[in-house]
Amino acid sequence: MRNRTILPEPLRGRAFLTTDVPPETLGRGRLLAPDVQRPSRGVRAIDLDFTAVHGRCEGYLPRMPAGQAFSHITAAQLYLIPLPPSLAYDQTLHVAVNERGQPPRVVGVVGHALGGIESRFRELDGFVVTDPVSTWCQLATHLTLYDLIAAGDYLVSGRVTDAGREPPLATIAELRAGVLRCARRRGAKNLREAIARVRTGVDSRPETWLRLILVDDGLPEPVVNEVIFDVDGRRLGKPDLAYPWARLLFEYEGDGHRIDKERFRGDITRREIFETDQWRVIRVVPDDVFTRQRAFLNRVRRVIAQQTSAKPQ
């Protein structure tokens, strides 16, 4: 059994055109071996993870001419914009061209012509992508209203990491200008409704959904991530959402809160601090927000009634 030629180190972790590899460097037969990936016709790759958006984008780069940019869902994935699971893990590549360009026609790629809409391109992680505002406007035909608002919240709030909050990728004024540019395009109605409800200081997609289901059930809009102090001015904490007038707080607890022991203990301590100061804390789980909204909202109304009736006159 013949030993395979060792693949050159510079070719690893990237994609390349077969025509870019001189025959004396690597024989054509070697490029047909099972350890060489074939993302598309005429393109080969070595050690790329095509389950990750960066790997898929890397696999398309050799065929990507100037004037094209990753857009729509693909750009949203690169910006880490929160998406529903069906789109967050979608492996289709979306590639856009400006007014005079020809959209790509490649297997696994959805091409988009941006037409007369002004769309700026920028570089992100080594890839050319549509700018955050254009990307958000493009999502209007892919997302429900709630998720479009959640995407807008993310852009104007900044991503939350263990090190703190990153700078916002856009402002509400910039999103509003984007909505005006797309006034005659598909998704314009969704954009107009969404921009009126985008808020800053939001930490996550579930927080956005929680705020929206409360308001759409006729309840007042809660304050978002506002620091709570006791009567002596001591800082108690910063709950996800709050109704200060009812001394009622909402704390969203996803699966990560339960699995991470340190986080779980911190949640208990945090809740006890609030409750010691006579705040009522409603713990919110994913089912409350996404699948069992009616039962949850009924519970919220009962708690509000208890809190307000118990307040001293």
C-alpha atoms as a PDB file:
ATOM      1  CA  MET A   1       0.000   0.000   0.000  1.00  0.00           C
ATOM      2  CA  ARG A   2       1.462   3.322  -1.074  1.00  0.00           C
ATOM      3  CA  ASN A   3       1.862   6.018   1.552  1.00  0.00           C
ATOM      4  CA  ARG A   4      -0.030   9.216   0.818  1.00  0.00           C
ATOM      5  CA  THR A   5       1.949  12.377   0.247  1.00  0.00           C
ATOM      6  CA  ILE A   6       1.965  14.479   3.393  1.00  0.00           C
ATOM      7  CA  LEU A   7      -0.189  17.537   2.856  1.00  0.00           C
ATOM      8  CA  PRO A   8       1.789  20.800   3.001  1.00  0.00           C
ATOM      9  CA  GLU A   9       1.291  22.704   6.247  1.00  0.00           C
ATOM     10  CA  PRO A  10       0.372  26.014   4.504  1.00  0.00           C
ATOM     11  CA  LEU A  11      -2.668  24.304   2.962  1.00  0.00           C
ATOM     12  CA  ARG A  12      -4.083  23.125   6.275  1.00  0.00           C
ATOM     13  CA  GLY A  13      -7.011  24.927   7.869  1.00  0.00           C
ATOM     14  CA  ARG A  14      -8.061  26.710   4.692  1.00  0.00           C
ATOM     15  CA  ALA A  15      -9.618  26.220   1.281  1.00  0.00           C
ATOM     16  CA  PHE A  16      -7.944  26.641  -2.089  1.00  0.00           C
ATOM     17  CA  LEU A  17      -8.611  26.249  -5.803  1.00  0.00           C
ATOM     18  CA  THR A  18      -7.235  23.084  -7.350  1.00  0.00           C
ATOM     19  CA  THR A  19      -5.680  25.257 -10.055  1.00  0.00           C
ATOM     20  CA  ASP A  20      -3.679  27.119  -7.403  1.00  0.00           C
ATOM     21  CA  VAL A  21      -1.718  24.015  -6.408  1.00  0.00           C
ATOM     22  CA  PRO A  22       1.233  23.309  -8.727  1.00  0.00           C
ATOM     23  CA  PRO A  23       1.370  19.636  -9.806  1.00  0.00           C
ATOM     24  CA  GLU A  24       4.922  19.350  -8.516  1.00  0.00           C
ATOM     25  CA  THR A  25       3.720  20.402  -5.041  1.00  0.00           C
ATOM     26  CA  LEU A  26       0.803  18.009  -4.814  1.00  0.00           C
ATOM     27  CA  GLY A  27      -0.299  15.622  -7.529  1.00  0.00           C
ATOM     28  CA  ARG A  28      -3.856  15.886  -8.847  1.00  0.00           C
ATOM     29  CA  GLY A  29      -4.553  12.354  -7.609  1.00  0.00           C
ATOM     30  CA  ARG A  30      -3.628  13.392  -4.064  1.00  0.00           C
ATOM     31  CA  LEU A  31      -6.405  16.009  -4.147  1.00  0.00           C
ATOM     32  CA  LEU A  32      -8.939  13.198  -4.645  1.00  0.00           C
ATOM     33  CA  ALA A  33      -7.944  11.395  -1.438  1.00  0.00           C
ATOM     34  CA  PRO A  34     -10.615  11.074   1.301  1.00  0.00           C
ATOM     35  CA  ASP A  35      -8.685  13.294   3.733  1.00  0.00           C
ATOM     36  CA  VAL A  36      -9.056  16.236   1.345  1.00  0.00           C
ATOM     37  CA  GLN A  37     -12.401  18.047   1.640  1.00  0.00           C
ATOM     38  CA  ARG A  38     -14.379  19.194  -1.408  1.00  0.00           C
ATOM     39  CA  PRO A  39     -16.653  22.102  -0.398  1.00  0.00           C
ATOM     40  CA  SER A  40     -17.536  22.892  -4.030  1.00  0.00           C
ATOM     41  CA  ARG A  41     -16.455  22.273  -7.592  1.00  0.00           C
ATOM     42  CA  GLY A  42     -12.825  23.161  -8.154  1.00  0.00           C
ATOM     43  CA  VAL A  43     -12.250  23.905  -4.453  1.00  0.00           C
ATOM     44  CA  ARG A  44     -10.447  21.726  -1.945  1.00  0.00           C
ATOM     45  CA  ALA A  45      -9.880  22.183   1.786  1.00  0.00           C
ATOM     46  CA  ILE A  46      -7.954  20.547   4.582  1.00  0.00           C
ATOM     47  CA  ASP A  47      -9.033  20.354   8.227  1.00  0.00           C
ATOM     48  CA  LEU A  48     -11.943  22.796   7.998  1.00  0.00           C
ATOM     49  CA  ASP A  49     -14.967  22.417  10.271  1.00  0.00           C
ATOM     50  CA  PHE A  50     -17.947  22.831   7.966  1.00  0.00           C
ATOM     51  CA  THR A  51     -20.387  22.518  10.871  1.00  0.00           C
ATOM     52  CA  ALA A  52     -19.200  25.982  11.995  1.00  0.00           C
ATOM     53  CA  VAL A  53     -20.069  29.117  10.058  1.00  0.00           C
ATOM     54  CA  HIS A  54     -16.422  30.209   9.887  1.00  0.00           C
ATOM     55  CA  GLY A  55     -15.451  26.905   8.282  1.00  0.00           C
ATOM     56  CA  ARG A  56     -18.245  27.148   5.714  1.00  0.00           C
ATOM     57  CA  CYS A  57     -17.304  30.728   4.840  1.00  0.00           C
ATOM     58  CA  GLU A  58     -13.638  29.743   4.552  1.00  0.00           C
ATOM     59  CA  GLY A  59     -14.675  26.990   2.142  1.00  0.00           C
ATOM     60  CA  TYR A  60     -16.354  29.526  -0.147  1.00  0.00           C
ATOM     61  CA  LEU A  61     -13.583  32.149  -0.105  1.00  0.00           C
ATOM     62  CA  PRO A  62     -11.581  30.817  -3.093  1.00  0.00           C
ATOM     63  CA  ARG A  63     -14.641  31.347  -5.308  1.00  0.00           C
ATOM     64  CA  MET A  64     -15.623  34.696  -3.811  1.00  0.00           C
ATOM     65  CA  PRO A  65     -14.781  37.637  -6.104  1.00  0.00           C
ATOM     66  CA  ALA A  66     -14.597  41.279  -5.098  1.00  0.00           C
ATOM     67  CA  GLY A  67     -18.054  42.804  -4.808  1.00  0.00           C
ATOM     68  CA  GLN A  68     -19.582  39.888  -2.927  1.00  0.00           C
ATOM     69  CA  ALA A  69     -20.253  39.720   0.813  1.00  0.00           C
ATOM     70  CA  PHE A  70     -21.699  37.219   3.241  1.00  0.00           C
ATOM     71  CA  SER A  71     -25.176  38.459   4.128  1.00  0.00           C
ATOM     72  CA  HIS A  72     -28.556  37.629   5.669  1.00  0.00           C
ATOM     73  CA  ILE A  73     -28.451  34.586   7.993  1.00  0.00           C
ATOM     74  CA  THR A  74     -24.741  33.928   7.370  1.00  0.00           C
ATOM     75  CA  ALA A  75     -23.768  37.482   8.321  1.00  0.00           C
ATOM     76  CA  ALA A  76     -26.012  37.246  11.382  1.00  0.00           C
ATOM     77  CA  GLN A  77     -24.229  34.056  12.456  1.00  0.00           C
ATOM     78  CA  LEU A  78     -20.841  35.750  12.036  1.00  0.00           C
ATOM     79  CA  TYR A  79     -21.994  38.748  14.105  1.00  0.00           C
ATOM     80  CA  LEU A  80     -23.326  36.293  16.742  1.00  0.00           C
ATOM     81  CA  ILE A  81     -26.784  37.839  16.438  1.00  0.00           C
ATOM     82  CA  PRO A  82     -29.215  35.681  18.455  1.00  0.00           C
ATOM     83  CA  LEU A  83     -31.374  33.577  16.156  1.00  0.00           C
ATOM     84  CA  PRO A  84     -34.002  30.874  16.687  1.00  0.00           C
ATOM     85  CA  PRO A  85     -32.407  27.390  16.689  1.00  0.00           C
ATOM     86  CA  SER A  86     -33.670  26.559  13.192  1.00  0.00           C
ATOM     87  CA  LEU A  87     -31.604  29.438  11.790  1.00  0.00           C
ATOM     88  CA  ALA A  88     -28.763  29.559  14.301  1.00  0.00           C
ATOM     89  CA  TYR A  89     -27.605  26.150  13.047  1.00  0.00           C
ATOM     90  CA  ASP A  90     -28.621  26.526   9.405  1.00  0.00           C
ATOM     91  CA  GLN A  91     -25.655  25.616   7.191  1.00  0.00           C
ATOM     92  CA  THR A  92     -26.746  27.397   4.019  1.00  0.00           C
ATOM     93  CA  LEU A  93     -24.426  30.210   2.967  1.00  0.00           C
ATOM     94  CA  HIS A  94     -26.005  33.531   2.001  1.00  0.00           C
ATOM     95  CA  VAL A  95     -23.929  35.717  -0.314  1.00  0.00           C
ATOM     96  CA  ALA A  96     -24.998  39.131  -1.619  1.00  0.00           C
ATOM     97  CA  VAL A  97     -23.844  41.401  -4.410  1.00  0.00           C
ATOM     98  CA  ASN A  98     -24.490  45.102  -4.819  1.00  0.00           C
ATOM     99  CA  GLU A  99     -26.527  46.640  -7.613  1.00  0.00           C
ATOM    100  CA  ARG A 100     -24.447  45.687 -10.673  1.00  0.00           C
ATOM    101  CA  GLY A 101     -23.214  42.302  -9.513  1.00  0.00           C
ATOM    102  CA  GLN A 102     -24.406  38.844 -10.491  1.00  0.00           C
ATOM    103  CA  PRO A 103     -25.522  36.714  -7.513  1.00  0.00           C
ATOM    104  CA  PRO A 104     -23.575  33.465  -7.175  1.00  0.00           C
ATOM    105  CA  ARG A 105     -25.065  30.176  -8.322  1.00  0.00           C
ATOM    106  CA  VAL A 106     -23.303  27.537  -6.283  1.00  0.00           C
ATOM    107  CA  VAL A 107     -24.642  24.436  -4.550  1.00  0.00           C
ATOM    108  CA  GLY A 108     -25.232  25.224  -0.862  1.00  0.00           C
ATOM    109  CA  VAL A 109     -25.193  28.982  -1.484  1.00  0.00           C
ATOM    110  CA  VAL A 110     -28.192  31.323  -1.728  1.00  0.00           C
ATOM    111  CA  GLY A 111     -27.310  34.348  -3.817  1.00  0.00           C
ATOM    112  CA  HIS A 112     -28.917  37.745  -3.233  1.00  0.00           C
ATOM    113  CA  ALA A 113     -28.929  40.881  -5.382  1.00  0.00           C
ATOM    114  CA  LEU A 114     -29.230  43.897  -3.123  1.00  0.00           C
ATOM    115  CA  GLY A 115     -30.649  46.023  -5.934  1.00  0.00           C
ATOM    116  CA  GLY A 116     -30.766  49.746  -5.345  1.00  0.00           C
ATOM    117  CA  ILE A 117     -30.531  49.460  -1.569  1.00  0.00           C
ATOM    118  CA  GLU A 118     -27.422  51.097  -0.189  1.00  0.00           C
ATOM    119  CA  SER A 119     -25.552  48.360   1.661  1.00  0.00           C
ATOM    120  CA  ARG A 120     -22.109  48.794   3.101  1.00  0.00           C
ATOM    121  CA  PHE A 121     -19.618  45.955   3.255  1.00  0.00           C
ATOM    122  CA  ARG A 122     -17.058  45.524   6.007  1.00  0.00           C
ATOM    123  CA  GLU A 123     -14.517  42.961   7.151  1.00  0.00           C
ATOM    124  CA  LEU A 124     -15.271  40.668  10.078  1.00  0.00           C
ATOM    125  CA  ASP A 125     -13.001  37.824  11.188  1.00  0.00           C
ATOM    126  CA  GLY A 126     -11.290  37.896   7.793  1.00  0.00           C
ATOM    127  CA  PHE A 127     -14.557  37.751   5.809  1.00  0.00           C
ATOM    128  CA  VAL A 128     -16.364  40.457   3.838  1.00  0.00           C
ATOM    129  CA  VAL A 129     -19.879  40.842   5.274  1.00  0.00           C
ATOM    130  CA  THR A 130     -22.763  43.265   5.000  1.00  0.00           C
ATOM    131  CA  ASP A 131     -22.664  45.863   7.773  1.00  0.00           C
ATOM    132  CA  PRO A 132     -24.733  45.257  10.950  1.00  0.00           C
ATOM    133  CA  VAL A 133     -27.596  47.587   9.996  1.00  0.00           C
ATOM    134  CA  SER A 134     -27.970  46.119   6.493  1.00  0.00           C
ATOM    135  CA  THR A 135     -27.817  42.623   7.950  1.00  0.00           C
ATOM    136  CA  TRP A 136     -30.595  43.434  10.426  1.00  0.00           C
ATOM    137  CA  CYS A 137     -32.782  44.799   7.636  1.00  0.00           C
ATOM    138  CA  GLN A 138     -32.151  41.652   5.574  1.00  0.00           C
ATOM    139  CA  LEU A 139     -33.349  39.517   8.487  1.00  0.00           C
ATOM    140  CA  ALA A 140     -36.828  41.063   8.246  1.00  0.00           C
ATOM    141  CA  THR A 141     -37.854  38.421   5.691  1.00  0.00           C
ATOM    142  CA  HIS A 142     -36.415  35.552   7.734  1.00  0.00           C
ATOM    143  CA  LEU A 143     -37.426  36.288  11.339  1.00  0.00           C
ATOM    144  CA  THR A 144     -40.648  36.671  13.264  1.00  0.00           C
ATOM    145  CA  LEU A 145     -41.319  40.102  14.722  1.00  0.00           C
ATOM    146  CA  TYR A 146     -40.135  39.060  18.190  1.00  0.00           C
ATOM    147  CA  ASP A 147     -36.866  37.656  16.886  1.00  0.00           C
ATOM    148  CA  LEU A 148     -36.272  40.684  14.668  1.00  0.00           C
ATOM    149  CA  ILE A 149     -36.655  42.866  17.768  1.00  0.00           C
ATOM    150  CA  ALA A 150     -34.299  40.559  19.675  1.00  0.00           C
ATOM    151  CA  ALA A 151     -31.722  40.932  16.899  1.00  0.00           C
ATOM    152  CA  GLY A 152     -32.099  44.713  17.067  1.00  0.00           C
ATOM    153  CA  ASP A 153     -31.771  44.667  20.862  1.00  0.00           C
ATOM    154  CA  TYR A 154     -28.504  42.743  20.485  1.00  0.00           C
ATOM    155  CA  LEU A 155     -27.050  45.193  17.969  1.00  0.00           C
ATOM    156  CA  VAL A 156     -27.805  48.317  20.024  1.00  0.00           C
ATOM    157  CA  SER A 157     -26.966  46.740  23.396  1.00  0.00           C
ATOM    158  CA  GLY A 158     -23.702  44.946  22.690  1.00  0.00           C
ATOM    159  CA  ARG A 159     -22.833  41.324  23.319  1.00  0.00           C
ATOM    160  CA  VAL A 160     -22.541  40.222  26.949  1.00  0.00           C
ATOM    161  CA  THR A 161     -19.490  38.092  27.780  1.00  0.00           C
ATOM    162  CA  ASP A 162     -17.799  36.957  30.984  1.00  0.00           C
ATOM    163  CA  ALA A 163     -15.557  40.018  30.642  1.00  0.00           C
ATOM    164  CA  GLY A 164     -18.510  42.402  30.442  1.00  0.00           C
ATOM    165  CA  ARG A 165     -20.545  44.042  27.710  1.00  0.00           C
ATOM    166  CA  GLU A 166     -18.932  44.641  24.330  1.00  0.00           C
ATOM    167  CA  PRO A 167     -19.558  47.904  22.429  1.00  0.00           C
ATOM    168  CA  PRO A 168     -22.838  48.010  20.477  1.00  0.00           C
ATOM    169  CA  LEU A 169     -22.652  47.224  16.758  1.00  0.00           C
ATOM    170  CA  ALA A 170     -25.235  49.895  15.897  1.00  0.00           C
ATOM    171  CA  THR A 171     -27.402  52.621  17.381  1.00  0.00           C
ATOM    172  CA  ILE A 172     -31.178  52.884  17.315  1.00  0.00           C
ATOM    173  CA  ALA A 173     -30.812  55.932  15.054  1.00  0.00           C
ATOM    174  CA  GLU A 174     -28.757  53.870  12.592  1.00  0.00           C
ATOM    175  CA  LEU A 175     -31.340  51.080  12.609  1.00  0.00           C
ATOM    176  CA  ARG A 176     -34.069  53.655  12.044  1.00  0.00           C
ATOM    177  CA  ALA A 177     -32.174  55.014   9.022  1.00  0.00           C
ATOM    178  CA  GLY A 178     -31.877  51.469   7.697  1.00  0.00           C
ATOM    179  CA  VAL A 179     -35.635  51.009   8.013  1.00  0.00           C
ATOM    180  CA  LEU A 180     -36.185  54.152   5.929  1.00  0.00           C
ATOM    181  CA  ARG A 181     -33.811  52.880   3.226  1.00  0.00           C
ATOM    182  CA  CYS A 182     -35.825  49.656   2.988  1.00  0.00           C
ATOM    183  CA  ALA A 183     -39.253  51.312   3.027  1.00  0.00           C
ATOM    184  CA  ARG A 184     -40.249  49.784  -0.320  1.00  0.00           C
ATOM    185  CA  ARG A 185     -38.704  46.354   0.148  1.00  0.00           C
ATOM    186  CA  ARG A 186     -40.100  43.046   1.361  1.00  0.00           C
ATOM    187  CA  GLY A 187     -40.114  42.974   5.148  1.00  0.00           C
ATOM    188  CA  ALA A 188     -40.610  46.748   5.478  1.00  0.00           C
ATOM    189  CA  LYS A 189     -43.701  46.340   7.669  1.00  0.00           C
ATOM    190  CA  ASN A 190     -41.822  43.986   9.981  1.00  0.00           C
ATOM    191  CA  LEU A 191     -38.977  46.499  10.228  1.00  0.00           C
ATOM    192  CA  ARG A 192     -41.288  49.427  11.036  1.00  0.00           C
ATOM    193  CA  GLU A 193     -42.966  47.476  13.817  1.00  0.00           C
ATOM    194  CA  ALA A 194     -39.655  46.197  15.173  1.00  0.00           C
ATOM    195  CA  ILE A 195     -37.752  49.484  15.327  1.00  0.00           C
ATOM    196  CA  ALA A 196     -40.399  51.019  17.587  1.00  0.00           C
ATOM    197  CA  ARG A 197     -39.787  48.264  20.150  1.00  0.00           C
ATOM    198  CA  VAL A 198     -35.995  47.875  20.089  1.00  0.00           C
ATOM    199  CA  ARG A 199     -34.378  48.682  23.450  1.00  0.00           C
ATOM    200  CA  THR A 200     -30.821  49.132  24.713  1.00  0.00           C
ATOM    201  CA  GLY A 201     -29.247  47.328  27.666  1.00  0.00           C
ATOM    202  CA  VAL A 202     -30.758  43.931  26.837  1.00  0.00           C
ATOM    203  CA  ASP A 203     -28.693  40.840  27.647  1.00  0.00           C
ATOM    204  CA  SER A 204     -30.326  38.046  25.655  1.00  0.00           C
ATOM    205  CA  ARG A 205     -32.986  36.874  23.209  1.00  0.00           C
ATOM    206  CA  PRO A 206     -35.125  35.326  26.006  1.00  0.00           C
ATOM    207  CA  GLU A 207     -35.086  38.671  27.846  1.00  0.00           C
ATOM    208  CA  THR A 208     -36.439  40.358  24.727  1.00  0.00           C
ATOM    209  CA  TRP A 209     -39.183  37.767  24.358  1.00  0.00           C
ATOM    210  CA  LEU A 210     -40.066  38.093  28.055  1.00  0.00           C
ATOM    211  CA  ARG A 211     -40.429  41.867  27.778  1.00  0.00           C
ATOM    212  CA  LEU A 212     -42.563  41.551  24.653  1.00  0.00           C
ATOM    213  CA  ILE A 213     -44.983  38.913  25.920  1.00  0.00           C
ATOM    214  CA  LEU A 214     -45.609  40.980  29.058  1.00  0.00           C
ATOM    215  CA  VAL A 215     -46.383  44.115  27.066  1.00  0.00           C
ATOM    216  CA  ASP A 216     -48.458  42.286  24.453  1.00  0.00           C
ATOM    217  CA  ASP A 217     -50.589  40.842  27.243  1.00  0.00           C
ATOM    218  CA  GLY A 218     -51.524  44.359  28.292  1.00  0.00           C
ATOM    219  CA  LEU A 219     -49.040  44.780  31.146  1.00  0.00           C
ATOM    220  CA  PRO A 220     -46.781  47.837  31.484  1.00  0.00           C
ATOM    221  CA  GLU A 221     -43.346  47.650  29.883  1.00  0.00           C
ATOM    222  CA  PRO A 222     -40.826  46.518  32.510  1.00  0.00           C
ATOM    223  CA  VAL A 223     -37.538  48.303  33.053  1.00  0.00           C
ATOM    224  CA  VAL A 224     -34.554  46.462  31.578  1.00  0.00           C
ATOM    225  CA  ASN A 225     -31.434  45.594  33.577  1.00  0.00           C
ATOM    226  CA  GLU A 226     -31.765  48.535  35.946  1.00  0.00           C
ATOM    227  CA  VAL A 227     -29.757  48.526  39.172  1.00  0.00           C
ATOM    228  CA  ILE A 228     -31.878  48.144  42.321  1.00  0.00           C
ATOM    229  CA  PHE A 229     -30.894  49.912  45.566  1.00  0.00           C
ATOM    230  CA  ASP A 230     -32.270  49.561  49.082  1.00  0.00           C
ATOM    231  CA  VAL A 231     -33.611  52.506  51.111  1.00  0.00           C
ATOM    232  CA  ASP A 232     -30.104  53.261  52.375  1.00  0.00           C
ATOM    233  CA  GLY A 233     -28.682  53.442  48.865  1.00  0.00           C
ATOM    234  CA  ARG A 234     -26.910  50.087  48.963  1.00  0.00           C
ATOM    235  CA  ARG A 235     -26.739  48.265  45.641  1.00  0.00           C
ATOM    236  CA  LEU A 236     -28.793  45.068  45.692  1.00  0.00           C
ATOM    237  CA  GLY A 237     -28.249  43.928  42.131  1.00  0.00           C
ATOM    238  CA  LYS A 238     -29.388  44.289  38.542  1.00  0.00           C
ATOM    239  CA  PRO A 239     -32.320  41.999  37.656  1.00  0.00           C
ATOM    240  CA  ASP A 240     -33.185  41.115  34.071  1.00  0.00           C
ATOM    241  CA  LEU A 241     -36.524  42.938  34.171  1.00  0.00           C
ATOM    242  CA  ALA A 242     -38.440  44.732  36.904  1.00  0.00           C
ATOM    243  CA  TYR A 243     -41.703  46.389  37.869  1.00  0.00           C
ATOM    244  CA  PRO A 244     -40.431  48.750  40.601  1.00  0.00           C
ATOM    245  CA  TRP A 245     -43.973  49.979  41.307  1.00  0.00           C
ATOM    246  CA  ALA A 246     -44.921  46.425  42.355  1.00  0.00           C
ATOM    247  CA  ARG A 247     -41.522  45.516  43.850  1.00  0.00           C
ATOM    248  CA  LEU A 248     -41.476  42.657  41.379  1.00  0.00           C
ATOM    249  CA  LEU A 249     -38.420  41.287  39.558  1.00  0.00           C
ATOM    250  CA  PHE A 250     -37.976  38.775  36.747  1.00  0.00           C
ATOM    251  CA  GLU A 251     -34.909  36.549  36.527  1.00  0.00           C
ATOM    252  CA  TYR A 252     -34.528  34.387  33.426  1.00  0.00           C
ATOM    253  CA  GLU A 253     -32.866  31.038  34.086  1.00  0.00           C
ATOM    254  CA  GLY A 254     -31.854  29.001  31.054  1.00  0.00           C
ATOM    255  CA  ASP A 255     -30.332  25.537  31.223  1.00  0.00           C
ATOM    256  CA  GLY A 256     -26.901  27.049  31.822  1.00  0.00           C
ATOM    257  CA  HIS A 257     -28.064  28.390  35.179  1.00  0.00           C
ATOM    258  CA  ARG A 258     -28.940  24.865  36.302  1.00  0.00           C
ATOM    259  CA  ILE A 259     -25.859  23.075  34.919  1.00  0.00           C
ATOM    260  CA  ASP A 260     -23.231  25.566  36.126  1.00  0.00           C
ATOM    261  CA  LYS A 261     -22.949  25.012  39.900  1.00  0.00           C
ATOM    262  CA  GLU A 262     -21.288  28.349  40.610  1.00  0.00           C
ATOM    263  CA  ARG A 263     -23.910  30.187  38.598  1.00  0.00           C
ATOM    264  CA  PHE A 264     -26.686  28.232  40.317  1.00  0.00           C
ATOM    265  CA  ARG A 265     -25.383  29.184  43.775  1.00  0.00           C
ATOM    266  CA  GLY A 266     -25.015  32.790  42.674  1.00  0.00           C
ATOM    267  CA  ASP A 267     -28.637  32.848  41.517  1.00  0.00           C
ATOM    268  CA  ILE A 268     -29.794  31.663  44.955  1.00  0.00           C
ATOM    269  CA  THR A 269     -27.741  34.298  46.785  1.00  0.00           C
ATOM    270  CA  ARG A 270     -28.881  37.018  44.409  1.00  0.00           C
ATOM    271  CA  ARG A 271     -32.538  36.066  44.865  1.00  0.00           C
ATOM    272  CA  GLU A 272     -32.232  36.011  48.664  1.00  0.00           C
ATOM    273  CA  ILE A 273     -30.713  39.509  48.667  1.00  0.00           C
ATOM    274  CA  PHE A 274     -33.703  40.881  46.753  1.00  0.00           C
ATOM    275  CA  GLU A 275     -36.265  38.998  48.837  1.00  0.00           C
ATOM    276  CA  THR A 276     -34.706  40.217  52.088  1.00  0.00           C
ATOM    277  CA  ASP A 277     -35.509  43.738  50.891  1.00  0.00           C
ATOM    278  CA  GLN A 278     -39.150  42.755  50.234  1.00  0.00           C
ATOM    279  CA  TRP A 279     -38.842  42.301  46.471  1.00  0.00           C
ATOM    280  CA  ARG A 280     -40.749  39.415  44.920  1.00  0.00           C
ATOM    281  CA  VAL A 281     -38.677  37.458  42.387  1.00  0.00           C
ATOM    282  CA  ILE A 282     -40.293  35.492  39.577  1.00  0.00           C
ATOM    283  CA  ARG A 283     -37.971  32.848  38.186  1.00  0.00           C
ATOM    284  CA  VAL A 284     -38.527  32.439  34.459  1.00  0.00           C
ATOM    285  CA  VAL A 285     -37.584  29.313  32.486  1.00  0.00           C
ATOM    286  CA  PRO A 286     -37.577  28.773  28.692  1.00  0.00           C
ATOM    287  CA  ASP A 287     -41.021  27.125  28.630  1.00  0.00           C
ATOM    288  CA  ASP A 288     -42.537  30.215  30.267  1.00  0.00           C
ATOM    289  CA  VAL A 289     -41.299  32.416  27.439  1.00  0.00           C
ATOM    290  CA  PHE A 290     -41.482  30.216  24.362  1.00  0.00           C
ATOM    291  CA  THR A 291     -44.125  27.502  24.796  1.00  0.00           C
ATOM    292  CA  ARG A 292     -46.363  28.043  27.846  1.00  0.00           C
ATOM    293  CA  GLN A 293     -46.849  31.779  27.750  1.00  0.00           C
ATOM    294  CA  ARG A 294     -50.496  31.844  28.837  1.00  0.00           C
ATOM    295  CA  ALA A 295     -49.915  29.914  32.055  1.00  0.00           C
ATOM    296  CA  PHE A 296     -46.898  32.078  32.839  1.00  0.00           C
ATOM    297  CA  LEU A 297     -48.703  35.361  32.184  1.00  0.00           C
ATOM    298  CA  ASN A 298     -51.586  34.291  34.405  1.00  0.00           C
ATOM    299  CA  ARG A 299     -49.063  33.605  37.156  1.00  0.00           C
ATOM    300  CA  VAL A 300     -47.504  37.044  36.675  1.00  0.00           C
ATOM    301  CA  ARG A 301     -50.885  38.728  36.998  1.00  0.00           C
ATOM    302  CA  ARG A 302     -51.629  36.846  40.221  1.00  0.00           C
ATOM    303  CA  VAL A 303     -48.286  37.888  41.697  1.00  0.00           C
ATOM    304  CA  ILE A 304     -48.830  41.520  40.690  1.00  0.00           C
ATOM    305  CA  ALA A 305     -52.225  41.464  42.405  1.00  0.00           C
ATOM    306  CA  GLN A 306     -50.632  40.072  45.563  1.00  0.00           C
ATOM    307  CA  GLN A 307     -47.797  42.587  45.511  1.00  0.00           C
ATOM    308  CA  THR A 308     -49.943  45.640  44.935  1.00  0.00           C
ATOM    309  CA  SER A 309     -52.647  44.647  47.434  1.00  0.00           C
ATOM    310  CA  ALA A 310     -49.989  44.059  50.077  1.00  0.00           C
ATOM    311  CA  LYS A 311     -48.406  47.496  49.626  1.00  0.00           C
ATOM    312  CA  PRO A 312     -49.071  49.904  52.495  1.00  0.00           C
ATOM    313  CA  GLN A 313     -51.447  52.736  51.674  1.00  0.00           C
END
